[in-house]
Amino acid sequence: MILLLQEEIDNYETFSAWFNGEAVPKIEAAGGRVLVQGVESDNEKMLHLVMETPDEDTVAAFMSDEQFTADRVAAGVHVGTTKVTFLKS
């Protein structure tokens, strides 16, 4: 299943250091992978991630995990802005 995740962040370098070092290994261990990661060229505070996951339940488990959410906040994610869109291919 492919999904697009969009959210506001404070700083892309700070986010990327956490995301690539800590989150990506957890995502891969759950059977997912990151296909595209970046910010808008005219708004570096708007993050876009395109990921592949086994199913919607895997995403829901990450999004409801209190420690994962706390880690996202510590990495500068404005969790109230997160939008997840599941895509058909």
N, C-alpha and C. Protein backbone atom coordinates (compact mmCIF):
# COMPACT_ATOMS: atom_id res chain seq x y z
N MET A 1 0.84 -1.17 0.00
CA MET A 1 0.00 0.00 0.00
C MET A 1 0.90 1.24 0.00
N ILE A 2 0.60 2.18 -0.89
CA ILE A 2 1.38 3.42 -0.99
C ILE A 2 0.61 4.53 -0.28
N LEU A 3 1.36 5.37 0.44
CA LEU A 3 0.72 6.49 1.12
C LEU A 3 1.56 7.74 0.95
N LEU A 4 0.86 8.87 1.00
CA LEU A 4 1.49 10.19 1.00
C LEU A 4 1.24 10.77 2.38
N LEU A 5 2.31 11.17 3.05
CA LEU A 5 2.21 11.81 4.36
C LEU A 5 2.72 13.24 4.21
N GLN A 6 1.93 14.19 4.68
CA GLN A 6 2.30 15.60 4.63
C GLN A 6 2.17 16.17 6.03
N GLU A 7 3.15 16.97 6.44
CA GLU A 7 3.08 17.61 7.75
C GLU A 7 4.08 18.74 7.82
N GLU A 8 3.80 19.67 8.74
CA GLU A 8 4.71 20.78 8.96
C GLU A 8 5.81 20.36 9.94
N ILE A 9 7.01 20.87 9.68
CA ILE A 9 8.15 20.59 10.55
C ILE A 9 8.88 21.89 10.83
N ASP A 10 9.72 21.88 11.85
CA ASP A 10 10.51 23.06 12.19
C ASP A 10 11.73 23.21 11.31
N ASN A 11 12.45 22.09 11.10
CA ASN A 11 13.73 22.15 10.40
C ASN A 11 13.97 20.82 9.70
N TYR A 12 14.20 20.86 8.40
CA TYR A 12 14.35 19.62 7.62
C TYR A 12 15.59 18.83 8.02
N GLU A 13 16.69 19.50 8.29
CA GLU A 13 17.91 18.78 8.68
C GLU A 13 17.72 18.03 9.99
N THR A 14 17.10 18.68 10.96
CA THR A 14 16.83 18.04 12.25
C THR A 14 15.90 16.86 12.08
N PHE A 15 14.82 17.07 11.31
CA PHE A 15 13.88 15.99 11.06
C PHE A 15 14.57 14.82 10.36
N SER A 16 15.33 15.10 9.31
CA SER A 16 15.98 14.04 8.53
C SER A 16 16.95 13.22 9.37
N ALA A 17 17.69 13.88 10.26
CA ALA A 17 18.63 13.15 11.12
C ALA A 17 17.87 12.14 11.97
N TRP A 18 16.77 12.56 12.57
CA TRP A 18 15.97 11.63 13.37
C TRP A 18 15.30 10.58 12.48
N PHE A 19 14.63 11.03 11.43
CA PHE A 19 13.84 10.13 10.61
C PHE A 19 14.69 9.04 9.98
N ASN A 20 15.79 9.42 9.35
CA ASN A 20 16.64 8.43 8.68
C ASN A 20 17.40 7.55 9.66
N GLY A 21 17.76 8.11 10.82
CA GLY A 21 18.53 7.34 11.79
C GLY A 21 17.71 6.44 12.69
N GLU A 22 16.49 6.88 13.01
CA GLU A 22 15.68 6.12 13.97
C GLU A 22 14.36 5.59 13.40
N ALA A 23 13.63 6.44 12.68
CA ALA A 23 12.31 6.03 12.21
C ALA A 23 12.38 5.05 11.05
N VAL A 24 13.24 5.31 10.08
CA VAL A 24 13.30 4.44 8.90
C VAL A 24 13.61 2.99 9.28
N PRO A 25 14.57 2.71 10.17
CA PRO A 25 14.78 1.31 10.55
C PRO A 25 13.53 0.66 11.16
N LYS A 26 12.75 1.42 11.93
CA LYS A 26 11.50 0.89 12.51
C LYS A 26 10.47 0.64 11.42
N ILE A 27 10.37 1.56 10.48
CA ILE A 27 9.43 1.40 9.37
C ILE A 27 9.80 0.17 8.55
N GLU A 28 11.09 0.01 8.26
CA GLU A 28 11.54 -1.15 7.49
C GLU A 28 11.32 -2.45 8.25
N ALA A 29 11.52 -2.44 9.56
CA ALA A 29 11.29 -3.63 10.37
C ALA A 29 9.82 -4.04 10.36
N ALA A 30 8.92 -3.07 10.16
CA ALA A 30 7.49 -3.35 10.09
C ALA A 30 7.04 -3.71 8.68
N GLY A 31 7.99 -3.81 7.74
CA GLY A 31 7.66 -4.20 6.38
C GLY A 31 7.41 -3.05 5.42
N GLY A 32 7.74 -1.83 5.86
CA GLY A 32 7.54 -0.66 5.01
C GLY A 32 8.83 -0.16 4.43
N ARG A 33 8.71 0.85 3.57
CA ARG A 33 9.90 1.51 3.06
C ARG A 33 9.55 2.91 2.60
N VAL A 34 10.53 3.78 2.65
CA VAL A 34 10.36 5.17 2.23
C VAL A 34 10.76 5.26 0.77
N LEU A 35 9.87 5.79 -0.05
CA LEU A 35 10.14 5.92 -1.47
C LEU A 35 10.64 7.31 -1.83
N VAL A 36 10.05 8.34 -1.22
CA VAL A 36 10.43 9.73 -1.49
C VAL A 36 10.32 10.51 -0.19
N GLN A 37 11.30 11.37 0.03
CA GLN A 37 11.31 12.22 1.22
C GLN A 37 11.81 13.60 0.81
N GLY A 38 11.05 14.64 1.15
CA GLY A 38 11.51 15.98 0.82
C GLY A 38 10.56 17.05 1.32
N VAL A 39 11.00 18.29 1.18
CA VAL A 39 10.19 19.45 1.53
C VAL A 39 9.89 20.24 0.26
N GLU A 40 8.88 21.08 0.34
CA GLU A 40 8.52 21.90 -0.81
C GLU A 40 9.64 22.89 -1.10
N SER A 41 9.89 23.16 -2.36
CA SER A 41 10.97 24.07 -2.73
C SER A 41 10.72 25.50 -2.26
N ASP A 42 9.47 25.90 -2.14
CA ASP A 42 9.17 27.25 -1.69
C ASP A 42 8.65 27.31 -0.25
N ASN A 43 8.65 26.17 0.43
CA ASN A 43 8.23 26.12 1.84
C ASN A 43 8.93 24.94 2.51
N GLU A 44 10.10 25.19 3.04
CA GLU A 44 10.91 24.11 3.62
C GLU A 44 10.38 23.59 4.94
N LYS A 45 9.26 24.11 5.37
CA LYS A 45 8.62 23.61 6.59
C LYS A 45 7.48 22.64 6.28
N MET A 46 7.21 22.40 4.98
CA MET A 46 6.17 21.46 4.60
C MET A 46 6.82 20.19 4.04
N LEU A 47 6.74 19.14 4.85
CA LEU A 47 7.35 17.85 4.53
C LEU A 47 6.39 16.98 3.74
N HIS A 48 6.94 16.23 2.79
CA HIS A 48 6.17 15.23 2.04
C HIS A 48 6.96 13.92 2.09
N LEU A 49 6.28 12.86 2.44
CA LEU A 49 6.87 11.52 2.42
C LEU A 49 5.96 10.62 1.59
N VAL A 50 6.54 9.84 0.71
CA VAL A 50 5.81 8.81 0.01
C VAL A 50 6.41 7.50 0.50
N MET A 51 5.53 6.65 1.05
CA MET A 51 6.01 5.40 1.64
C MET A 51 5.15 4.23 1.18
N GLU A 52 5.73 3.07 1.30
CA GLU A 52 5.02 1.84 1.04
C GLU A 52 4.92 1.09 2.36
N THR A 53 3.73 0.60 2.69
CA THR A 53 3.52 -0.15 3.92
C THR A 53 2.69 -1.38 3.62
N PRO A 54 2.77 -2.38 4.50
CA PRO A 54 1.98 -3.60 4.26
C PRO A 54 0.47 -3.33 4.22
N ASP A 55 -0.02 -2.41 5.09
CA ASP A 55 -1.46 -2.15 5.16
C ASP A 55 -1.71 -0.90 6.01
N GLU A 56 -2.96 -0.48 6.05
CA GLU A 56 -3.32 0.71 6.83
C GLU A 56 -3.12 0.49 8.33
N ASP A 57 -3.27 -0.74 8.80
CA ASP A 57 -3.10 -1.02 10.22
C ASP A 57 -1.67 -0.74 10.68
N THR A 58 -0.70 -0.98 9.82
CA THR A 58 0.70 -0.70 10.15
C THR A 58 0.88 0.80 10.39
N VAL A 59 0.29 1.61 9.53
CA VAL A 59 0.38 3.06 9.68
C VAL A 59 -0.33 3.49 10.96
N ALA A 60 -1.51 2.95 11.20
CA ALA A 60 -2.27 3.30 12.39
C ALA A 60 -1.49 2.96 13.66
N ALA A 61 -0.78 1.85 13.65
CA ALA A 61 0.02 1.47 14.82
C ALA A 61 1.12 2.48 15.10
N PHE A 62 1.80 2.95 14.05
CA PHE A 62 2.83 3.97 14.24
C PHE A 62 2.22 5.27 14.74
N MET A 63 1.12 5.68 14.14
CA MET A 63 0.53 6.97 14.48
C MET A 63 -0.09 7.00 15.87
N SER A 64 -0.43 5.84 16.41
CA SER A 64 -1.01 5.79 17.75
C SER A 64 0.01 5.46 18.83
N ASP A 65 1.25 5.18 18.43
CA ASP A 65 2.31 4.86 19.38
C ASP A 65 2.78 6.14 20.08
N GLU A 66 2.58 6.19 21.41
CA GLU A 66 2.90 7.40 22.16
C GLU A 66 4.38 7.76 22.10
N GLN A 67 5.27 6.78 22.17
CA GLN A 67 6.70 7.07 22.12
C GLN A 67 7.11 7.56 20.74
N PHE A 68 6.57 6.94 19.69
CA PHE A 68 6.87 7.38 18.33
C PHE A 68 6.39 8.81 18.12
N THR A 69 5.21 9.13 18.65
CA THR A 69 4.69 10.50 18.55
C THR A 69 5.58 11.48 19.30
N ALA A 70 6.02 11.11 20.50
CA ALA A 70 6.92 11.97 21.28
C ALA A 70 8.24 12.18 20.54
N ASP A 71 8.74 11.15 19.89
CA ASP A 71 9.97 11.25 19.11
C ASP A 71 9.77 12.19 17.91
N ARG A 72 8.62 12.11 17.27
CA ARG A 72 8.31 12.99 16.14
C ARG A 72 8.27 14.45 16.60
N VAL A 73 7.62 14.68 17.73
CA VAL A 73 7.54 16.04 18.28
C VAL A 73 8.94 16.55 18.60
N ALA A 74 9.77 15.71 19.21
CA ALA A 74 11.14 16.10 19.54
C ALA A 74 11.96 16.42 18.29
N ALA A 75 11.60 15.80 17.16
CA ALA A 75 12.28 16.04 15.89
C ALA A 75 11.73 17.26 15.16
N GLY A 76 10.75 17.94 15.78
CA GLY A 76 10.23 19.17 15.20
C GLY A 76 8.98 19.02 14.36
N VAL A 77 8.30 17.88 14.46
CA VAL A 77 7.07 17.67 13.69
C VAL A 77 5.90 18.32 14.43
N HIS A 78 5.09 19.04 13.70
CA HIS A 78 3.85 19.60 14.23
C HIS A 78 2.77 18.55 13.98
N VAL A 79 2.62 17.63 14.94
CA VAL A 79 1.79 16.45 14.72
C VAL A 79 0.32 16.78 14.41
N GLY A 80 -0.14 17.93 14.83
CA GLY A 80 -1.51 18.32 14.52
C GLY A 80 -1.74 18.65 13.06
N THR A 81 -0.67 18.78 12.29
CA THR A 81 -0.79 19.12 10.87
C THR A 81 -0.68 17.90 9.96
N THR A 82 -0.45 16.73 10.55
CA THR A 82 -0.21 15.53 9.75
C THR A 82 -1.44 15.11 8.96
N LYS A 83 -1.21 14.87 7.69
CA LYS A 83 -2.26 14.37 6.79
C LYS A 83 -1.72 13.14 6.07
N VAL A 84 -2.44 12.04 6.18
CA VAL A 84 -2.06 10.79 5.52
C VAL A 84 -3.10 10.48 4.45
N THR A 85 -2.62 10.25 3.23
CA THR A 85 -3.50 9.91 2.11
C THR A 85 -3.03 8.57 1.54
N PHE A 86 -3.93 7.59 1.53
CA PHE A 86 -3.62 6.30 0.94
C PHE A 86 -3.92 6.37 -0.56
N LEU A 87 -2.99 5.90 -1.37
CA LEU A 87 -3.10 6.02 -2.82
C LEU A 87 -3.39 4.68 -3.47
N LYS A 88 -4.21 4.72 -4.51
CA LYS A 88 -4.42 3.55 -5.34
C LYS A 88 -3.39 3.58 -6.45
N SER A 89 -2.90 2.43 -6.83
CA SER A 89 -1.93 2.41 -7.93
C SER A 89 -2.44 1.59 -9.09
